[in-house]
């Protein structure tokens, strides 16, 4: 029973910390455009990678 004296305030503090984090995320605009982020990942706007000018010729012989 004496364990509840410590566990209940800890649980309340953790709940308040979670609520404060959620309120901060809402005020910071984290939930403003959830559909835009989901569609943005499907768009291919990146340029292809350039090949390096000098290619390595490591034959895998184990030499370092």
PDB file of N, CA and C in Angstrom:
ATOM      1  N   UNK A   1       0.814  -1.192   0.000  1.00  0.00           N
ATOM      2  CA  UNK A   1       0.000   0.000   0.000  1.00  0.00           C
ATOM      3  C   UNK A   1       0.860   1.259   0.000  1.00  0.00           C
ATOM      4  N   UNK A   2       2.029   1.176   0.656  1.00  0.00           N
ATOM      5  CA  UNK A   2       2.889   2.355   0.706  1.00  0.00           C
ATOM      6  C   UNK A   2       3.540   2.614  -0.654  1.00  0.00           C
ATOM      7  N   UNK A   3       3.567   1.610  -1.523  1.00  0.00           N
ATOM      8  CA  UNK A   3       4.108   1.800  -2.858  1.00  0.00           C
ATOM      9  C   UNK A   3       3.242   2.715  -3.701  1.00  0.00           C
ATOM     10  N   UNK A   4       1.947   2.714  -3.420  1.00  0.00           N
ATOM     11  CA  UNK A   4       1.030   3.582  -4.158  1.00  0.00           C
ATOM     12  C   UNK A   4       1.295   5.055  -3.875  1.00  0.00           C
ATOM     13  N   UNK A   5       1.856   5.354  -2.712  1.00  0.00           N
ATOM     14  CA  UNK A   5       2.177   6.738  -2.372  1.00  0.00           C
ATOM     15  C   UNK A   5       3.208   7.281  -3.348  1.00  0.00           C
ATOM     16  N   UNK A   6       4.091   6.431  -3.859  1.00  0.00           N
ATOM     17  CA  UNK A   6       5.096   6.860  -4.824  1.00  0.00           C
ATOM     18  C   UNK A   6       4.614   6.698  -6.266  1.00  0.00           C
ATOM     19  N   UNK A   7       3.874   5.649  -6.534  1.00  0.00           N
ATOM     20  CA  UNK A   7       3.488   5.348  -7.911  1.00  0.00           C
ATOM     21  C   UNK A   7       2.419   6.288  -8.464  1.00  0.00           C
ATOM     22  N   UNK A   8       1.466   6.686  -7.643  1.00  0.00           N
ATOM     23  CA  UNK A   8       0.399   7.555  -8.136  1.00  0.00           C
ATOM     24  C   UNK A   8       0.928   8.931  -8.534  1.00  0.00           C
ATOM     25  N   UNK A   9       1.749   9.596  -7.721  1.00  0.00           N
ATOM     26  CA  UNK A   9       2.289  10.883  -8.184  1.00  0.00           C
ATOM     27  C   UNK A   9       3.198  10.747  -9.413  1.00  0.00           C
ATOM     28  N   UNK A  10       3.950   9.681  -9.503  1.00  0.00           N
ATOM     29  CA  UNK A  10       4.798   9.464 -10.679  1.00  0.00           C
ATOM     30  C   UNK A  10       3.933   9.281 -11.917  1.00  0.00           C
ATOM     31  N   UNK A  11       2.862   8.514 -11.802  1.00  0.00           N
ATOM     32  CA  UNK A  11       1.962   8.312 -12.938  1.00  0.00           C
ATOM     33  C   UNK A  11       1.290   9.619 -13.339  1.00  0.00           C
ATOM     34  N   UNK A  12       0.901  10.429 -12.373  1.00  0.00           N
ATOM     35  CA  UNK A  12       0.290  11.720 -12.685  1.00  0.00           C
ATOM     36  C   UNK A  12       1.285  12.655 -13.373  1.00  0.00           C
ATOM     37  N   UNK A  13       2.519  12.671 -12.909  1.00  0.00           N
ATOM     38  CA  UNK A  13       3.537  13.517 -13.533  1.00  0.00           C
ATOM     39  C   UNK A  13       3.841  13.058 -14.963  1.00  0.00           C
ATOM     40  N   UNK A  14       3.895  11.761 -15.179  1.00  0.00           N
ATOM     41  CA  UNK A  14       4.144  11.255 -16.530  1.00  0.00           C
ATOM     42  C   UNK A  14       2.969  11.582 -17.454  1.00  0.00           C
ATOM     43  N   UNK A  15       1.767  11.510 -16.948  1.00  0.00           N
ATOM     44  CA  UNK A  15       0.600  11.877 -17.743  1.00  0.00           C
ATOM     45  C   UNK A  15       0.596  13.357 -18.091  1.00  0.00           C
ATOM     46  N   UNK A  16       0.953  14.197 -17.143  1.00  0.00           N
ATOM     47  CA  UNK A  16       1.036  15.630 -17.408  1.00  0.00           C
ATOM     48  C   UNK A  16       2.156  15.945 -18.391  1.00  0.00           C
ATOM     49  N   UNK A  17       3.270  15.224 -18.314  1.00  0.00           N
ATOM     50  CA  UNK A  17       4.364  15.433 -19.264  1.00  0.00           C
ATOM     51  C   UNK A  17       3.931  15.042 -20.676  1.00  0.00           C
ATOM     52  N   UNK A  18       3.187  13.949 -20.800  1.00  0.00           N
ATOM     53  CA  UNK A  18       2.669  13.547 -22.109  1.00  0.00           C
ATOM     54  C   UNK A  18       1.680  14.551 -22.661  1.00  0.00           C
ATOM     55  N   UNK A  19       0.819  15.061 -21.808  1.00  0.00           N
ATOM     56  CA  UNK A  19      -0.147  16.078 -22.226  1.00  0.00           C
ATOM     57  C   UNK A  19       0.564  17.366 -22.641  1.00  0.00           C
ATOM     58  N   UNK A  20       1.588  17.762 -21.896  1.00  0.00           N
ATOM     59  CA  UNK A  20       2.342  18.963 -22.241  1.00  0.00           C
ATOM     60  C   UNK A  20       3.067  18.769 -23.577  1.00  0.00           C
ATOM     61  N   UNK A  21       3.604  17.574 -23.820  1.00  0.00           N
ATOM     62  CA  UNK A  21       4.254  17.302 -25.097  1.00  0.00           C
ATOM     63  C   UNK A  21       3.274  17.356 -26.250  1.00  0.00           C
ATOM     64  N   UNK A  22       2.085  16.851 -26.043  1.00  0.00           N
ATOM     65  CA  UNK A  22       1.057  16.890 -27.088  1.00  0.00           C
ATOM     66  C   UNK A  22       0.626  18.323 -27.380  1.00  0.00           C
ATOM     67  N   UNK A  23       0.415  19.109 -26.331  1.00  0.00           N
ATOM     68  CA  UNK A  23       0.025  20.506 -26.522  1.00  0.00           C
ATOM     69  C   UNK A  23       1.131  21.267 -27.251  1.00  0.00           C
ATOM     70  N   UNK A  24       2.394  21.003 -26.893  1.00  0.00           N
ATOM     71  CA  UNK A  24       3.515  21.653 -27.576  1.00  0.00           C
ATOM     72  C   UNK A  24       3.532  21.275 -29.058  1.00  0.00           C
ATOM     73  N   UNK A  25       3.303  20.002 -29.378  1.00  0.00           N
ATOM     74  CA  UNK A  25       3.313  19.556 -30.773  1.00  0.00           C
ATOM     75  C   UNK A  25       2.184  20.201 -31.566  1.00  0.00           C
ATOM     76  N   UNK A  26       1.032  20.363 -30.962  1.00  0.00           N
ATOM     77  CA  UNK A  26      -0.087  21.005 -31.655  1.00  0.00           C
ATOM     78  C   UNK A  26       0.215  22.473 -31.908  1.00  0.00           C
ATOM     79  N   UNK A  27       0.755  23.148 -30.914  1.00  0.00           N
ATOM     80  CA  UNK A  27       1.080  24.578 -31.082  1.00  0.00           C
ATOM     81  C   UNK A  27       2.235  24.788 -32.050  1.00  0.00           C
ATOM     82  N   UNK A  28       3.135  23.816 -32.171  1.00  0.00           N
ATOM     83  CA  UNK A  28       4.280  23.943 -33.074  1.00  0.00           C
ATOM     84  C   UNK A  28       3.900  23.618 -34.514  1.00  0.00           C
ATOM     85  N   UNK A  29       2.673  23.150 -34.736  1.00  0.00           N
ATOM     86  CA  UNK A  29       2.211  22.889 -36.098  1.00  0.00           C
ATOM     87  C   UNK A  29       2.568  21.507 -36.610  1.00  0.00           C
ATOM     88  N   UNK A  30       2.805  20.562 -35.743  1.00  0.00           N
ATOM     89  CA  UNK A  30       3.174  19.216 -36.170  1.00  0.00           C
ATOM     90  C   UNK A  30       2.027  18.482 -36.854  1.00  0.00           C
ATOM     91  N   UNK A  31       0.801  18.874 -36.592  1.00  0.00           N
ATOM     92  CA  UNK A  31      -0.361  18.177 -37.137  1.00  0.00           C
ATOM     93  C   UNK A  31      -1.124  19.012 -38.158  1.00  0.00           C
ATOM     94  N   UNK A  32      -0.478  20.025 -38.728  1.00  0.00           N
ATOM     95  CA  UNK A  32      -1.165  20.926 -39.647  1.00  0.00           C
ATOM     96  C   UNK A  32      -1.528  20.271 -40.973  1.00  0.00           C
ATOM     97  N   UNK A  33      -0.624  19.483 -41.565  1.00  0.00           N
ATOM     98  CA  UNK A  33      -0.850  18.928 -42.896  1.00  0.00           C
ATOM     99  C   UNK A  33      -0.449  17.447 -42.939  1.00  0.00           C
ATOM    100  N   UNK A  34      -1.217  16.558 -42.316  1.00  0.00           N
ATOM    101  CA  UNK A  34      -0.823  15.151 -42.306  1.00  0.00           C
ATOM    102  C   UNK A  34      -0.941  14.486 -43.681  1.00  0.00           C
ATOM    103  N   UNK A  35      -1.872  14.939 -44.521  1.00  0.00           N
ATOM    104  CA  UNK A  35      -2.026  14.320 -45.836  1.00  0.00           C
ATOM    105  C   UNK A  35      -0.941  14.769 -46.800  1.00  0.00           C
ATOM    106  N   UNK A  36      -0.459  15.977 -46.642  1.00  0.00           N
ATOM    107  CA  UNK A  36       0.591  16.484 -47.524  1.00  0.00           C
ATOM    108  C   UNK A  36       1.883  15.712 -47.370  1.00  0.00           C
ATOM    109  N   UNK A  37       2.251  15.363 -46.146  1.00  0.00           N
ATOM    110  CA  UNK A  37       3.476  14.606 -45.914  1.00  0.00           C
ATOM    111  C   UNK A  37       3.353  13.194 -46.484  1.00  0.00           C
ATOM    112  N   UNK A  38       2.179  12.626 -46.412  1.00  0.00           N
ATOM    113  CA  UNK A  38       1.981  11.282 -46.939  1.00  0.00           C
ATOM    114  C   UNK A  38       2.079  11.271 -48.465  1.00  0.00           C
ATOM    115  N   UNK A  39       1.603  12.304 -49.118  1.00  0.00           N
ATOM    116  CA  UNK A  39       1.666  12.369 -50.579  1.00  0.00           C
ATOM    117  C   UNK A  39       3.028  12.840 -51.061  1.00  0.00           C
ATOM    118  N   UNK A  40       3.713  13.652 -50.261  1.00  0.00           N
ATOM    119  CA  UNK A  40       5.004  14.199 -50.665  1.00  0.00           C
ATOM    120  C   UNK A  40       6.065  13.113 -50.822  1.00  0.00           C
ATOM    121  N   UNK A  41       5.971  12.040 -50.068  1.00  0.00           N
ATOM    122  CA  UNK A  41       6.971  10.982 -50.158  1.00  0.00           C
ATOM    123  C   UNK A  41       6.859  10.220 -51.476  1.00  0.00           C
ATOM    124  N   UNK A  42       5.691  10.288 -52.122  1.00  0.00           N
ATOM    125  CA  UNK A  42       5.493   9.582 -53.380  1.00  0.00           C
ATOM    126  C   UNK A  42       6.010  10.363 -54.586  1.00  0.00           C
ATOM    127  N   UNK A  43       6.242  11.650 -54.424  1.00  0.00           N
ATOM    128  CA  UNK A  43       6.720  12.475 -55.522  1.00  0.00           C
ATOM    129  C   UNK A  43       8.207  12.227 -55.758  1.00  0.00           C
ATOM    130  N   UNK A  44       8.603  12.166 -57.025  1.00  0.00           N
ATOM    131  CA  UNK A  44       9.998  11.917 -57.367  1.00  0.00           C
ATOM    132  C   UNK A  44      10.600  13.200 -57.933  1.00  0.00           C
ATOM    133  N   UNK A  45      11.032  14.083 -57.051  1.00  0.00           N
ATOM    134  CA  UNK A  45      11.590  15.356 -57.496  1.00  0.00           C
ATOM    135  C   UNK A  45      13.105  15.405 -57.362  1.00  0.00           C
ATOM    136  N   UNK A  46      13.719  14.346 -56.867  1.00  0.00           N
ATOM    137  CA  UNK A  46      15.163  14.332 -56.691  1.00  0.00           C
ATOM    138  C   UNK A  46      15.863  14.070 -58.005  1.00  0.00           C
ATOM    139  N   UNK A  47      16.989  14.709 -58.186  1.00  0.00           N
ATOM    140  CA  UNK A  47      17.816  14.454 -59.362  1.00  0.00           C
ATOM    141  C   UNK A  47      18.594  13.156 -59.140  1.00  0.00           C
ATOM    142  N   UNK A  48      18.892  12.409 -60.201  1.00  0.00           N
ATOM    143  CA  UNK A  48      19.659  11.182 -60.017  1.00  0.00           C
ATOM    144  C   UNK A  48      21.075  11.494 -59.520  1.00  0.00           C
ATOM    145  N   UNK A  49      21.636  10.556 -58.799  1.00  0.00           N
ATOM    146  CA  UNK A  49      22.976  10.734 -58.258  1.00  0.00           C
ATOM    147  C   UNK A  49      24.013  10.693 -59.369  1.00  0.00           C
ATOM    148  N   UNK A  50      25.037  11.497 -59.236  1.00  0.00           N
ATOM    149  CA  UNK A  50      26.127  11.511 -60.201  1.00  0.00           C
ATOM    150  C   UNK A  50      27.112  10.401 -59.847  1.00  0.00           C
ATOM    151  N   UNK A  51      27.676   9.756 -60.857  1.00  0.00           N
ATOM    152  CA  UNK A  51      28.693   8.741 -60.617  1.00  0.00           C
ATOM    153  C   UNK A  51      30.000   9.443 -60.260  1.00  0.00           C
ATOM    154  N   UNK A  52      30.789   8.861 -59.363  1.00  0.00           N
ATOM    155  CA  UNK A  52      32.062   9.489 -59.015  1.00  0.00           C
ATOM    156  C   UNK A  52      33.012   9.483 -60.214  1.00  0.00           C
ATOM    157  N   UNK A  53      33.875  10.486 -60.291  1.00  0.00           N
ATOM    158  CA  UNK A  53      34.797  10.613 -61.423  1.00  0.00           C
ATOM    159  C   UNK A  53      35.803   9.469 -61.450  1.00  0.00           C
ATOM    160  N   UNK A  54      36.284   9.071 -60.292  1.00  0.00           N
ATOM    161  CA  UNK A  54      37.259   7.977 -60.216  1.00  0.00           C
ATOM    162  C   UNK A  54      36.621   6.846 -59.424  1.00  0.00           C
ATOM    163  N   UNK A  55      36.494   5.711 -60.084  1.00  0.00           N
ATOM    164  CA  UNK A  55      35.889   4.556 -59.420  1.00  0.00           C
ATOM    165  C   UNK A  55      36.977   3.773 -58.684  1.00  0.00           C
ATOM    166  N   UNK A  56      36.610   3.224 -57.568  1.00  0.00           N
ATOM    167  CA  UNK A  56      37.555   2.401 -56.813  1.00  0.00           C
ATOM    168  C   UNK A  56      37.728   1.073 -57.512  1.00  0.00           C
ATOM    169  N   UNK A  57      38.931   0.562 -57.484  1.00  0.00           N
ATOM    170  CA  UNK A  57      39.222  -0.722 -58.125  1.00  0.00           C
ATOM    171  C   UNK A  57      39.623  -1.750 -57.070  1.00  0.00           C
ATOM    172  N   UNK A  58      38.779  -1.937 -56.088  1.00  0.00           N
ATOM    173  CA  UNK A  58      39.034  -2.913 -55.038  1.00  0.00           C
ATOM    174  C   UNK A  58      38.549  -4.275 -55.538  1.00  0.00           C
ATOM    175  N   UNK A  59      39.488  -5.190 -55.711  1.00  0.00           N
ATOM    176  CA  UNK A  59      39.138  -6.503 -56.250  1.00  0.00           C
ATOM    177  C   UNK A  59      38.690  -7.465 -55.168  1.00  0.00           C
ATOM    178  N   UNK A  60      38.693  -7.037 -53.919  1.00  0.00           N
ATOM    179  CA  UNK A  60      38.248  -7.915 -52.852  1.00  0.00           C
ATOM    180  C   UNK A  60      39.290  -8.929 -52.446  1.00  0.00           C
ATOM    181  N   UNK A  61      40.588  -8.611 -52.624  1.00  0.00           N
ATOM    182  CA  UNK A  61      41.643  -9.565 -52.303  1.00  0.00           C
ATOM    183  C   UNK A  61      41.978  -9.570 -50.831  1.00  0.00           C
ATOM    184  N   UNK A  62      41.329  -8.724 -50.040  1.00  0.00           N
ATOM    185  CA  UNK A  62      41.558  -8.736 -48.611  1.00  0.00           C
ATOM    186  C   UNK A  62      42.639  -7.764 -48.198  1.00  0.00           C
ATOM    187  N   UNK A  63      43.253  -7.070 -49.105  1.00  0.00           N
ATOM    188  CA  UNK A  63      44.272  -6.090 -48.763  1.00  0.00           C
ATOM    189  C   UNK A  63      43.606  -4.801 -48.314  1.00  0.00           C
ATOM    190  N   UNK A  64      44.120  -4.191 -47.267  1.00  0.00           N
ATOM    191  CA  UNK A  64      43.550  -2.939 -46.771  1.00  0.00           C
ATOM    192  C   UNK A  64      44.512  -1.811 -46.923  1.00  0.00           C
TER     193      UNK A  64
END
